[in-house]
């Protein structure tokens, strides 16, 4: 059971809501990977967490829906390092980054007005391009 995990100034996930399990990592590594449980799985019960209010919970469940299990648990799997301790640190950092990204609000875009000179320049360019294409055509016989 890890310590409390600070997400930002307002949000701290208590350590008793986080579950850490170690497992044997897959992939190459020879004897080391066959003998040690260096893979870390950090799980947070997002659906039943007391650390967040309902509005934040719904936002996280919506934005992280592809990563959350049916039971409302958010698992983070890390097996990139050989050390279980380092993988534990990486898992905590990934959880913090994932939650911060999901809670981040992009500012509303204010459409800017296109300047009159730019409109004039665009229309002038279109007119010149049209004239150039007309000059490529065969001359018409006027009656």
Foldseek 3Di string as FASTA:
>chain_A
DDAWADLDPQFIAHPVQKDKDFAQDDDDDPPLSVPDRQKIKIKGQLVPGPRDDPVLSVLLCVQCVVQADPSRMHIDIFDPDSHNVVRVVVSSVVVSVSSCVSPDDDDDDDDDDDDPVVVVVVVVVVVVVVVVVVVVDDDDDDD
